[in-house]
Amino acid sequence: MSHYHEHGNAYAEILATGIDDEHILQAPSEAGGPESAGKRTRVTRITKKKGELLTEDEKKANHIASEQKRRQNIRTGYDQLIQIVPTLTPSQRSEALILQKTVEYIKYLLMEREILEGQLKDANR
């Protein structure tokens, strides 16, 4: 029995109802879990009136803010994968492991879909 079959009920629920965007795909800080407490910080960019140029310090601050936002978005994406893929746990923070197990899970779902499509064709004959 594969390790995916241990989570059969969860898979069946996801396949039957779809992914609940309000809960599974939200940022961890919005989920309210203990692992997300205090993780998210608001980063604001400096803006000026049209025609005014930014100083070097303001440009640097904007660059830092943009980079922090980019990194937060990547972290949020990995946190979403941890929530969606049943064989991952919040303690598994290796990006390589998260991607590897996500690919395995997608392959499993594709295989399950193929099987279900075959069963549907057989039932319609």
Protein backbone atom coordinates (compact mmCIF):
# COMPACT_ATOMS: atom_id res chain seq x y z
CA MET A 1 0.00 0.00 0.00
CA SER A 2 1.44 3.37 -0.96
CA HIS A 3 1.79 6.14 1.60
CA TYR A 4 -0.84 8.07 -0.36
CA HIS A 5 -3.49 5.45 0.39
CA GLU A 6 -3.04 6.15 4.10
CA HIS A 7 -4.57 9.54 3.37
CA GLY A 8 -7.32 8.22 1.10
CA ASN A 9 -10.14 10.02 2.89
CA ALA A 10 -8.38 13.37 2.67
CA TYR A 11 -7.67 12.79 -1.03
CA ALA A 12 -11.25 11.77 -1.69
CA GLU A 13 -12.50 14.88 0.11
CA ILE A 14 -10.17 17.16 -1.88
CA LEU A 15 -11.12 15.47 -5.14
CA ALA A 16 -14.84 15.59 -4.35
CA THR A 17 -15.12 19.11 -2.97
CA GLY A 18 -12.11 20.87 -4.40
CA ILE A 19 -9.65 22.94 -2.43
CA ASP A 20 -11.15 25.45 -0.04
CA ASP A 21 -9.45 28.67 -1.11
CA GLU A 22 -10.47 30.50 2.04
CA HIS A 23 -8.65 28.06 4.30
CA ILE A 24 -6.01 26.05 2.47
CA LEU A 25 -4.67 28.68 0.12
CA GLN A 26 -4.45 31.61 2.51
CA ALA A 27 -1.23 32.95 3.88
CA PRO A 28 -0.20 31.30 7.16
CA SER A 29 -0.52 34.55 9.07
CA GLU A 30 -4.16 34.71 8.00
CA ALA A 31 -4.74 31.08 8.93
CA GLY A 32 -4.18 31.90 12.59
CA GLY A 33 -2.13 28.78 13.34
CA PRO A 34 0.55 28.78 16.03
CA GLU A 35 3.33 28.48 13.48
CA SER A 36 2.22 31.69 11.79
CA ALA A 37 2.13 33.98 14.80
CA GLY A 38 4.03 37.18 14.10
CA LYS A 39 5.47 36.07 10.75
CA ARG A 40 3.90 38.67 8.48
CA THR A 41 5.04 42.25 8.43
CA ARG A 42 3.69 45.06 6.31
CA VAL A 43 6.26 46.57 3.98
CA THR A 44 5.50 49.94 2.44
CA ARG A 45 7.18 51.53 -0.51
CA ILE A 46 8.09 55.17 -0.74
CA THR A 47 6.13 57.16 -3.31
CA LYS A 48 6.37 60.77 -4.37
CA LYS A 49 4.33 63.14 -6.48
CA LYS A 50 4.59 62.86 -10.24
CA GLY A 51 7.82 64.37 -11.49
CA GLU A 52 9.73 64.07 -8.19
CA LEU A 53 12.72 61.75 -8.21
CA LEU A 54 13.59 59.35 -5.42
CA THR A 55 16.83 59.77 -3.53
CA GLU A 56 19.35 56.93 -3.48
CA ASP A 57 18.26 56.04 0.08
CA GLU A 58 14.60 55.95 -1.00
CA LYS A 59 15.47 53.76 -3.99
CA LYS A 60 17.38 51.41 -1.69
CA ALA A 61 14.46 51.30 0.76
CA ASN A 62 12.06 50.50 -2.10
CA HIS A 63 14.36 47.76 -3.35
CA ILE A 64 14.57 46.22 0.13
CA ALA A 65 10.78 46.41 0.53
CA SER A 66 10.26 44.73 -2.87
CA GLU A 67 12.72 41.96 -2.01
CA GLN A 68 11.04 41.36 1.36
CA LYS A 69 7.67 41.11 -0.37
CA ARG A 70 9.07 38.67 -2.93
CA ARG A 71 10.55 36.47 -0.19
CA GLN A 72 7.30 36.55 1.79
CA ASN A 73 5.36 35.48 -1.31
CA ILE A 74 7.74 32.54 -1.80
CA ARG A 75 7.37 31.53 1.88
CA THR A 76 3.59 31.76 1.56
CA GLY A 77 3.70 29.50 -1.52
CA TYR A 78 5.72 26.86 0.32
CA ASP A 79 3.38 27.10 3.32
CA GLN A 80 0.43 26.51 0.97
CA LEU A 81 2.12 23.43 -0.49
CA ILE A 82 2.70 22.08 3.03
CA GLN A 83 -1.02 22.49 3.73
CA ILE A 84 -2.14 20.85 0.47
CA VAL A 85 0.25 17.88 0.18
CA PRO A 86 -0.76 15.27 2.79
CA THR A 87 2.70 13.75 3.12
CA LEU A 88 4.21 17.07 4.24
CA THR A 89 4.15 18.49 7.75
CA PRO A 90 4.81 22.05 8.97
CA SER A 91 8.09 20.88 10.51
CA GLN A 92 9.43 19.97 7.04
CA ARG A 93 10.93 23.26 5.84
CA SER A 94 13.34 21.98 3.21
CA GLU A 95 12.35 23.61 -0.07
CA ALA A 96 13.82 20.70 -2.05
CA LEU A 97 11.79 18.18 -0.02
CA ILE A 98 8.61 20.26 -0.39
CA LEU A 99 9.03 20.41 -4.16
CA GLN A 100 9.92 16.70 -4.43
CA LYS A 101 6.89 15.57 -2.41
CA THR A 102 4.64 17.99 -4.31
CA VAL A 103 5.73 16.46 -7.62
CA GLU A 104 5.09 12.95 -6.22
CA TYR A 105 1.61 14.02 -5.07
CA ILE A 106 0.76 15.56 -8.45
CA LYS A 107 1.89 12.36 -10.20
CA TYR A 108 -0.29 10.36 -7.79
CA LEU A 109 -3.30 12.60 -8.50
CA LEU A 110 -2.77 12.26 -12.26
CA MET A 111 -2.60 8.47 -11.91
CA GLU A 112 -5.79 8.45 -9.80
CA ARG A 113 -7.51 10.62 -12.40
CA GLU A 114 -6.53 8.20 -15.16
CA ILE A 115 -7.91 5.28 -13.16
CA LEU A 116 -11.18 7.11 -12.46
CA GLU A 117 -11.56 8.09 -16.11
CA GLY A 118 -11.07 4.44 -17.09
CA GLN A 119 -13.66 3.32 -14.56
CA LEU A 120 -16.09 5.93 -15.88
CA LYS A 121 -15.61 4.75 -19.47
CA ASP A 122 -16.17 1.14 -18.38
CA ALA A 123 -19.33 2.10 -16.49
CA ASN A 124 -20.75 3.92 -19.55
CA ARG A 125 -20.33 0.92 -21.87
